[in-house]
């Protein structure tokens, strides 16, 4: 073969080899690609989801704004009441007692007669005894009235009224010390032990005394030591809340002496002016009552002396009140009396009778149901109200 023929032969072989190599490569690519699903698109294989390593895991709440819950608004403190000053209460004393003017007008009518015969004096005695003054004080008053009317003359109304007024004031005895001992000595608070039968207004009187102390700008504390009557504790707490006075209480049926002890201790440590202690008033068993009240008083005096033992009596009970007064005077050393319900329905003579019975003064009088209807007792104002 000529050189040109060899050249054409080599070029043909080279072209053929290239064609075969291209065909082989194309066939291999077709075998490596999976056939598409019928009627569907070719989807790229999903990549596995890489989980974050534990240390890189997002903290709970990350990226979320945490809102603090709004605090509820603080409750507004109740507005405290302003108790009435004791001095202004005496005005209402005369107004309330004026409702019982039948007693005073009856006496004045009898004394103003032209002739004061024995029948008239007997009528005067009956009227006085009916007013619960008592037989002894009545006889004493009548004898003095007879003497003065005979010597001085008093047939006109004005003169008779003045004589009667002076003798009634003397009978009530203005010389008695009627101040309430609400202050202690040697830095101790004054301690008022309030006693009386349930139903006389004892717990209410304690609450009203708290108002008097607040009106006089004294710091006070109340002790709910009548633990046998659940209503007494709640009632006293209400009185205290109205004027901002704290009440120390114990469990229902608990030891009254323990409550009283804690209250007086708190009063001493807090350097308060006065602690007022309410007590139980059950009279089923005089010996039991004596033991209970005696224990309360002894326990209190481990902290501070008792400066006042105030007996609360219902003025409308008359002679029954005198029996109660006698029982309590045997139990504790009563130093003063608070007469409740001394308004138009009461017989004013109970003031004289109870003072003669116990030998201690009436210091406070309750004039009605209002929170400030408790006033210091003033003999002259009392008599003037009876005669109005």
Protein backbone atom coordinates (compact mmCIF):
# COMPACT_ATOMS: atom_id res chain seq x y z
CA UNK A 1 0.00 0.00 0.00
CA UNK A 2 1.14 3.44 -0.75
CA UNK A 3 1.89 5.84 2.06
CA UNK A 4 -1.27 7.78 1.37
CA UNK A 5 -3.40 4.62 1.71
CA UNK A 6 -1.80 3.88 5.16
CA UNK A 7 -2.62 7.41 6.26
CA UNK A 8 -6.33 7.06 5.35
CA UNK A 9 -6.49 3.69 7.11
CA UNK A 10 -5.10 5.06 10.40
CA UNK A 11 -7.46 8.06 10.35
CA UNK A 12 -10.49 5.76 9.79
CA UNK A 13 -9.52 3.53 12.69
CA UNK A 14 -9.10 6.56 14.98
CA UNK A 15 -12.54 7.96 14.03
CA UNK A 16 -14.15 4.57 14.62
CA UNK A 17 -12.53 4.31 18.07
CA UNK A 18 -13.80 7.73 19.07
CA UNK A 19 -17.37 6.82 18.02
CA UNK A 20 -17.28 3.58 20.02
CA UNK A 21 -15.94 5.34 23.12
CA UNK A 22 -18.70 7.98 23.00
CA UNK A 23 -21.34 5.28 22.66
CA UNK A 24 -20.05 3.36 25.65
CA UNK A 25 -20.08 6.48 27.85
CA UNK A 26 -23.68 7.33 26.88
CA UNK A 27 -24.88 3.80 27.65
CA UNK A 28 -23.27 3.84 31.09
CA UNK A 29 -24.97 7.16 32.00
CA UNK A 30 -28.42 5.79 31.03
CA UNK A 31 -27.93 2.72 33.30
CA UNK A 32 -26.97 4.91 36.37
CA UNK A 33 -30.17 7.10 36.26
CA UNK A 34 -33.35 5.43 37.73
CA UNK A 35 -36.41 5.44 35.51
CA UNK A 36 -38.94 8.15 36.36
CA UNK A 37 -42.26 7.22 38.04
CA UNK A 38 -45.05 6.86 35.63
CA UNK A 39 -46.77 10.12 35.06
CA UNK A 40 -44.67 11.93 37.68
CA UNK A 41 -41.81 14.32 37.90
CA UNK A 42 -38.34 13.32 38.80
CA UNK A 43 -37.75 14.34 42.41
CA UNK A 44 -34.36 14.90 43.87
CA UNK A 45 -33.63 12.60 46.81
CA UNK A 46 -34.33 14.22 50.19
CA UNK A 47 -31.38 14.94 52.37
CA UNK A 48 -31.49 13.53 55.91
CA UNK A 49 -32.31 16.18 58.52
CA UNK A 50 -29.36 16.77 60.75
CA UNK A 51 -30.29 16.97 64.43
CA UNK A 52 -28.65 19.63 66.47
CA UNK A 53 -26.25 18.26 69.06
CA UNK A 54 -27.63 18.34 72.64
CA UNK A 55 -25.39 21.19 73.70
CA UNK A 56 -26.64 23.29 70.81
CA UNK A 57 -30.38 22.62 71.40
CA UNK A 58 -32.38 25.80 71.89
CA UNK A 59 -33.32 26.57 75.49
CA UNK A 60 -37.05 26.53 76.28
CA UNK A 61 -38.55 29.90 75.68
CA UNK A 62 -35.56 31.09 73.64
CA UNK A 63 -36.61 33.87 71.37
CA UNK A 64 -39.99 34.24 73.11
CA UNK A 65 -40.74 37.37 75.15
CA UNK A 66 -41.79 36.35 78.65
CA UNK A 67 -44.33 38.73 80.18
CA UNK A 68 -44.42 38.95 83.97
CA UNK A 69 -47.99 38.68 85.33
CA UNK A 70 -49.29 41.98 86.55
CA UNK A 71 -49.53 42.17 90.32
CA UNK A 72 -53.09 42.75 91.51
CA UNK A 73 -53.60 46.26 92.82
CA UNK A 74 -53.10 46.53 96.56
CA UNK A 75 -56.43 46.80 98.37
CA UNK A 76 -57.11 50.24 99.66
CA UNK A 77 -56.98 50.57 103.41
CA UNK A 78 -60.45 51.22 104.81
CA UNK A 79 -61.01 54.76 105.89
CA UNK A 80 -60.96 54.89 109.66
CA UNK A 81 -63.80 56.51 111.51
CA UNK A 82 -63.27 59.52 113.71
CA UNK A 83 -64.94 58.90 117.05
CA UNK A 84 -66.76 61.70 118.79
CA UNK A 85 -65.03 63.43 121.69
CA UNK A 86 -66.42 62.36 125.09
CA UNK A 87 -67.16 65.95 126.12
CA UNK A 88 -69.76 66.42 123.38
CA UNK A 89 -71.55 63.19 124.32
CA UNK A 90 -72.91 64.73 127.51
CA UNK A 91 -75.20 66.87 125.39
CA UNK A 92 -76.86 63.74 124.03
CA UNK A 93 -77.06 62.36 127.57
CA UNK A 94 -79.63 64.98 128.48
CA UNK A 95 -81.50 64.51 125.20
CA UNK A 96 -81.77 60.74 125.63
CA UNK A 97 -82.68 60.77 129.30
CA UNK A 98 -85.28 63.44 128.71
CA UNK A 99 -87.45 60.62 127.37
CA UNK A 100 -87.85 59.36 130.93
CA UNK A 101 -89.11 62.74 132.14
CA UNK A 102 -92.19 61.12 133.70
CA UNK A 103 -90.11 60.47 136.81
CA UNK A 104 -88.87 64.05 137.17
CA UNK A 105 -92.14 65.68 136.21
CA UNK A 106 -94.02 63.41 138.59
CA UNK A 107 -91.79 64.39 141.53
CA UNK A 108 -91.99 68.08 140.71
CA UNK A 109 -95.75 67.92 140.40
CA UNK A 110 -96.08 66.36 143.85
CA UNK A 111 -93.62 68.73 145.54
CA UNK A 112 -95.32 71.79 144.03
CA UNK A 113 -98.68 71.10 145.63
CA UNK A 114 -100.10 73.73 147.95
CA UNK A 115 -100.23 71.27 150.80
CA UNK A 116 -97.66 68.47 151.31
CA UNK A 117 -99.67 66.09 153.46
CA UNK A 118 -98.82 62.48 154.34
CA UNK A 119 -100.60 61.15 151.31
CA UNK A 120 -98.40 63.33 149.09
CA UNK A 121 -95.21 62.10 150.79
CA UNK A 122 -96.34 58.52 150.42
CA UNK A 123 -96.93 59.13 146.74
CA UNK A 124 -93.40 60.57 146.47
CA UNK A 125 -91.98 57.48 148.18
CA UNK A 126 -93.87 55.17 145.83
CA UNK A 127 -92.58 57.06 142.81
CA UNK A 128 -88.97 56.87 144.01
CA UNK A 129 -89.14 53.17 144.83
CA UNK A 130 -90.79 52.51 141.47
CA UNK A 131 -87.77 54.16 139.82
CA UNK A 132 -85.54 51.47 141.40
CA UNK A 133 -83.77 53.87 143.74
CA UNK A 134 -84.22 51.40 146.57
CA UNK A 135 -85.97 51.57 149.94
CA UNK A 136 -83.03 52.88 151.96
CA UNK A 137 -82.05 55.73 149.63
CA UNK A 138 -85.73 56.59 149.11
CA UNK A 139 -86.37 57.03 152.82
CA UNK A 140 -83.21 59.11 153.14
CA UNK A 141 -84.20 61.38 150.25
CA UNK A 142 -87.78 61.85 151.44
CA UNK A 143 -86.63 62.81 154.93
CA UNK A 144 -84.26 65.45 153.59
CA UNK A 145 -86.89 66.80 151.21
CA UNK A 146 -89.45 67.10 154.01
CA UNK A 147 -86.99 69.02 156.18
CA UNK A 148 -85.94 71.44 153.47
CA UNK A 149 -89.46 72.05 152.17
CA UNK A 150 -90.64 72.81 155.69
CA UNK A 151 -87.72 75.12 156.56
CA UNK A 152 -87.09 76.85 153.27
CA UNK A 153 -90.53 76.64 151.75
CA UNK A 154 -90.88 75.51 148.20
CA UNK A 155 -94.49 75.71 147.22
CA UNK A 156 -93.67 77.48 143.97
CA UNK A 157 -92.37 75.30 141.17
CA UNK A 158 -88.93 76.92 140.76
CA UNK A 159 -88.01 76.59 144.44
CA UNK A 160 -89.28 73.01 144.64
CA UNK A 161 -87.33 72.08 141.54
CA UNK A 162 -84.06 73.52 142.88
CA UNK A 163 -84.43 71.71 146.21
CA UNK A 164 -85.22 68.43 144.46
CA UNK A 165 -82.28 68.89 142.06
CA UNK A 166 -79.79 69.50 144.84
CA UNK A 167 -80.98 66.53 146.87
CA UNK A 168 -80.96 64.16 143.91
CA UNK A 169 -77.41 65.21 143.00
CA UNK A 170 -76.35 64.61 146.60
CA UNK A 171 -78.00 61.18 146.49
CA UNK A 172 -76.05 60.26 143.34
CA UNK A 173 -72.93 61.40 145.19
CA UNK A 174 -70.79 63.77 143.11
CA UNK A 175 -67.81 63.22 145.43
CA UNK A 176 -67.04 59.79 143.93
CA UNK A 177 -64.03 59.53 141.61
CA UNK A 178 -65.55 58.66 138.23
CA UNK A 179 -62.39 58.86 136.13
CA UNK A 180 -61.59 55.72 134.16
CA UNK A 181 -58.14 54.40 135.09
CA UNK A 182 -56.73 53.87 131.60
CA UNK A 183 -53.08 54.65 132.35
CA UNK A 184 -50.52 52.40 133.99
CA UNK A 185 -47.42 53.14 136.03
CA UNK A 186 -43.71 52.47 135.46
CA UNK A 187 -44.12 52.36 131.69
CA UNK A 188 -46.85 49.73 131.78
CA UNK A 189 -50.13 50.18 129.92
CA UNK A 190 -53.37 50.70 131.76
CA UNK A 191 -55.31 47.42 131.83
CA UNK A 192 -59.13 47.48 131.85
CA UNK A 193 -60.77 44.19 132.73
CA UNK A 194 -64.39 44.36 131.55
CA UNK A 195 -66.80 41.89 133.19
CA UNK A 196 -70.55 41.30 133.02
CA UNK A 197 -73.27 38.84 132.10
CA UNK A 198 -73.70 37.98 128.41
CA UNK A 199 -76.49 40.08 126.95
CA UNK A 200 -75.79 43.25 128.92
CA UNK A 201 -73.83 44.83 126.07
CA UNK A 202 -70.42 43.95 127.48
CA UNK A 203 -68.57 43.35 124.21
CA UNK A 204 -70.22 46.37 122.61
CA UNK A 205 -69.11 48.47 125.57
CA UNK A 206 -65.51 47.29 125.06
CA UNK A 207 -65.71 48.40 121.43
CA UNK A 208 -67.12 51.77 122.42
CA UNK A 209 -64.40 52.24 125.05
CA UNK A 210 -61.87 51.72 122.24
CA UNK A 211 -63.51 54.61 120.38
CA UNK A 212 -63.22 56.84 123.45
CA UNK A 213 -59.52 56.00 123.76
CA UNK A 214 -58.93 56.77 120.08
CA UNK A 215 -60.84 60.06 120.42
CA UNK A 216 -58.48 60.94 123.27
CA UNK A 217 -55.52 60.05 121.00
CA UNK A 218 -54.42 57.08 123.09
CA UNK A 219 -52.84 53.94 121.65
CA UNK A 220 -54.96 50.94 122.55
CA UNK A 221 -55.26 47.18 122.13
CA UNK A 222 -58.30 44.92 122.62
CA UNK A 223 -58.23 41.35 123.92
CA UNK A 224 -61.06 39.03 122.83
CA UNK A 225 -60.90 36.79 125.92
CA UNK A 226 -64.57 35.74 125.68
CA UNK A 227 -63.48 32.66 123.75
CA UNK A 228 -66.63 30.70 124.57
CA UNK A 229 -68.80 32.89 122.36
CA UNK A 230 -67.52 32.98 118.78
CA UNK A 231 -69.68 35.97 117.91
CA UNK A 232 -67.95 38.01 120.62
CA UNK A 233 -64.57 37.69 118.90
CA UNK A 234 -65.91 38.66 115.48
CA UNK A 235 -67.92 41.50 116.97
CA UNK A 236 -64.88 42.90 118.75
CA UNK A 237 -62.74 42.58 115.61
CA UNK A 238 -65.29 44.68 113.71
CA UNK A 239 -65.21 47.40 116.36
CA UNK A 240 -61.41 47.46 116.24
CA UNK A 241 -61.21 47.66 112.45
CA UNK A 242 -63.48 50.69 112.34
CA UNK A 243 -61.04 52.82 114.35
CA UNK A 244 -57.73 51.07 113.63
CA UNK A 245 -57.34 49.28 116.97
CA UNK A 246 -55.78 45.80 116.87
CA UNK A 247 -57.60 42.88 118.48
CA UNK A 248 -55.74 39.91 119.98
CA UNK A 249 -57.79 36.74 119.69
CA UNK A 250 -57.42 33.03 120.34
CA UNK A 251 -59.07 29.83 119.10
CA UNK A 252 -62.74 29.31 119.82
CA UNK A 253 -63.10 27.59 123.17
CA UNK A 254 -59.46 28.34 124.01
CA UNK A 255 -58.06 29.50 127.32
CA UNK A 256 -59.27 33.08 128.03
CA UNK A 257 -56.35 33.72 130.38
CA UNK A 258 -53.90 32.90 127.60
CA UNK A 259 -55.50 35.45 125.26
CA UNK A 260 -55.46 38.11 127.98
CA UNK A 261 -51.83 37.33 128.82
CA UNK A 262 -50.72 37.63 125.17
CA UNK A 263 -52.59 40.92 124.75
CA UNK A 264 -51.11 42.56 127.84
CA UNK A 265 -47.64 41.28 126.93
CA UNK A 266 -48.02 42.84 123.48
CA UNK A 267 -49.20 46.07 125.11
CA UNK A 268 -46.15 46.17 127.36
CA UNK A 269 -43.69 45.41 124.56
CA UNK A 270 -45.36 47.89 122.23
CA UNK A 271 -45.44 50.61 124.92
CA UNK A 272 -49.16 51.14 124.34
CA UNK A 273 -51.31 53.32 126.56
CA UNK A 274 -54.19 50.95 127.29
CA UNK A 275 -55.23 47.31 126.92
CA UNK A 276 -58.96 46.52 127.25
CA UNK A 277 -59.83 42.89 128.00
CA UNK A 278 -63.28 41.46 127.21
CA UNK A 279 -64.21 38.43 129.35
CA UNK A 280 -66.76 35.64 129.38
CA UNK A 281 -70.06 36.34 131.11
CA UNK A 282 -71.58 32.99 131.93
CA UNK A 283 -73.38 32.79 135.26
CA UNK A 284 -74.48 29.16 135.33
CA UNK A 285 -72.04 28.43 138.13
CA UNK A 286 -70.79 31.20 140.39
CA UNK A 287 -67.81 29.14 141.55
CA UNK A 288 -66.80 28.41 137.95
CA UNK A 289 -67.11 32.09 137.09
CA UNK A 290 -65.06 33.06 140.12
CA UNK A 291 -62.30 30.61 139.21
CA UNK A 292 -62.22 31.74 135.58
CA UNK A 293 -62.15 35.49 136.20
CA UNK A 294 -59.74 35.08 139.08
CA UNK A 295 -57.37 33.15 136.83
CA UNK A 296 -57.59 35.79 134.08
CA UNK A 297 -56.75 38.56 136.52
CA UNK A 298 -53.83 36.65 138.09
CA UNK A 299 -52.34 35.80 134.70
CA UNK A 300 -52.66 39.39 133.45
CA UNK A 301 -50.84 40.73 136.49
CA UNK A 302 -47.79 38.64 135.63
CA UNK A 303 -47.30 41.27 132.92
CA UNK A 304 -48.86 44.45 134.34
CA UNK A 305 -51.29 45.44 137.12
CA UNK A 306 -54.99 45.65 136.34
CA UNK A 307 -55.88 49.33 136.73
CA UNK A 308 -59.67 49.07 136.33
CA UNK A 309 -62.30 46.35 136.69
CA UNK A 310 -65.40 47.65 134.95
CA UNK A 311 -68.73 45.91 135.53
CA UNK A 312 -71.25 46.27 132.70
CA UNK A 313 -74.93 46.26 133.74
CA UNK A 314 -78.10 46.63 131.71
CA UNK A 315 -79.96 49.58 133.22
CA UNK A 316 -83.32 48.19 132.12
CA UNK A 317 -83.03 45.05 134.26
CA UNK A 318 -83.61 46.91 137.53
CA UNK A 319 -83.31 44.69 140.59
CA UNK A 320 -81.94 41.81 138.50
CA UNK A 321 -78.99 44.04 137.68
CA UNK A 322 -78.35 44.50 141.40
CA UNK A 323 -78.21 40.72 141.87
CA UNK A 324 -75.68 40.45 139.04
CA UNK A 325 -73.65 43.28 140.52
CA UNK A 326 -73.49 41.52 143.86
CA UNK A 327 -72.29 38.26 142.29
CA UNK A 328 -69.52 39.94 140.32
CA UNK A 329 -68.40 42.03 143.29
CA UNK A 330 -67.80 38.75 145.10
CA UNK A 331 -65.80 37.40 142.16
CA UNK A 332 -63.51 40.32 141.37
CA UNK A 333 -62.67 43.67 142.89
CA UNK A 334 -65.02 45.88 140.85
CA UNK A 335 -63.80 49.49 140.64
CA UNK A 336 -66.41 51.03 138.35
CA UNK A 337 -69.74 50.46 136.64
CA UNK A 338 -70.87 50.98 133.06
CA UNK A 339 -74.66 51.21 132.73
CA UNK A 340 -75.90 50.35 129.26
CA UNK A 341 -79.29 51.23 127.74
CA UNK A 342 -79.75 54.16 130.12
CA UNK A 343 -82.23 55.98 127.90
CA UNK A 344 -85.93 56.69 128.13
CA UNK A 345 -86.78 53.04 128.79
CA UNK A 346 -84.55 52.73 131.87
CA UNK A 347 -85.40 53.54 135.47
CA UNK A 348 -82.84 56.15 136.44
CA UNK A 349 -82.86 55.16 140.08
CA UNK A 350 -80.69 52.13 139.27
CA UNK A 351 -77.69 54.49 139.33
CA UNK A 352 -78.24 55.24 143.00
CA UNK A 353 -79.11 51.66 143.93
CA UNK A 354 -76.10 50.02 142.30
CA UNK A 355 -73.68 52.53 143.76
CA UNK A 356 -75.10 51.89 147.24
CA UNK A 357 -74.99 48.14 146.63
CA UNK A 358 -71.33 48.01 145.60
CA UNK A 359 -69.89 51.20 147.01
CA UNK A 360 -68.29 51.99 143.64
CA UNK A 361 -69.19 54.74 141.17
CA UNK A 362 -71.01 54.60 137.89
CA UNK A 363 -68.33 55.77 135.45
CA UNK A 364 -69.87 55.26 132.02
CA UNK A 365 -73.43 55.25 130.69
CA UNK A 366 -74.67 53.86 127.40
CA UNK A 367 -77.21 56.12 125.75
CA UNK A 368 -78.29 54.10 122.73
CA UNK A 369 -77.21 51.89 119.84
CA UNK A 370 -74.91 54.37 118.07
CA UNK A 371 -71.14 53.73 118.05
CA UNK A 372 -70.47 56.85 120.12
CA UNK A 373 -73.43 56.47 122.49
CA UNK A 374 -71.22 55.87 125.51
CA UNK A 375 -70.48 58.84 127.76
CA UNK A 376 -68.73 59.59 131.02
CA UNK A 377 -71.30 59.75 133.82
CA UNK A 378 -71.87 63.21 135.25
CA UNK A 379 -74.24 63.42 138.27
CA UNK A 380 -75.43 66.97 137.59
CA UNK A 381 -76.10 66.33 133.89
CA UNK A 382 -77.89 63.10 134.82
CA UNK A 383 -80.21 64.80 137.33
CA UNK A 384 -80.89 67.74 135.00
CA UNK A 385 -81.91 65.26 132.31
CA UNK A 386 -84.27 63.48 134.71
CA UNK A 387 -85.92 66.77 135.63
CA UNK A 388 -86.13 68.15 132.08
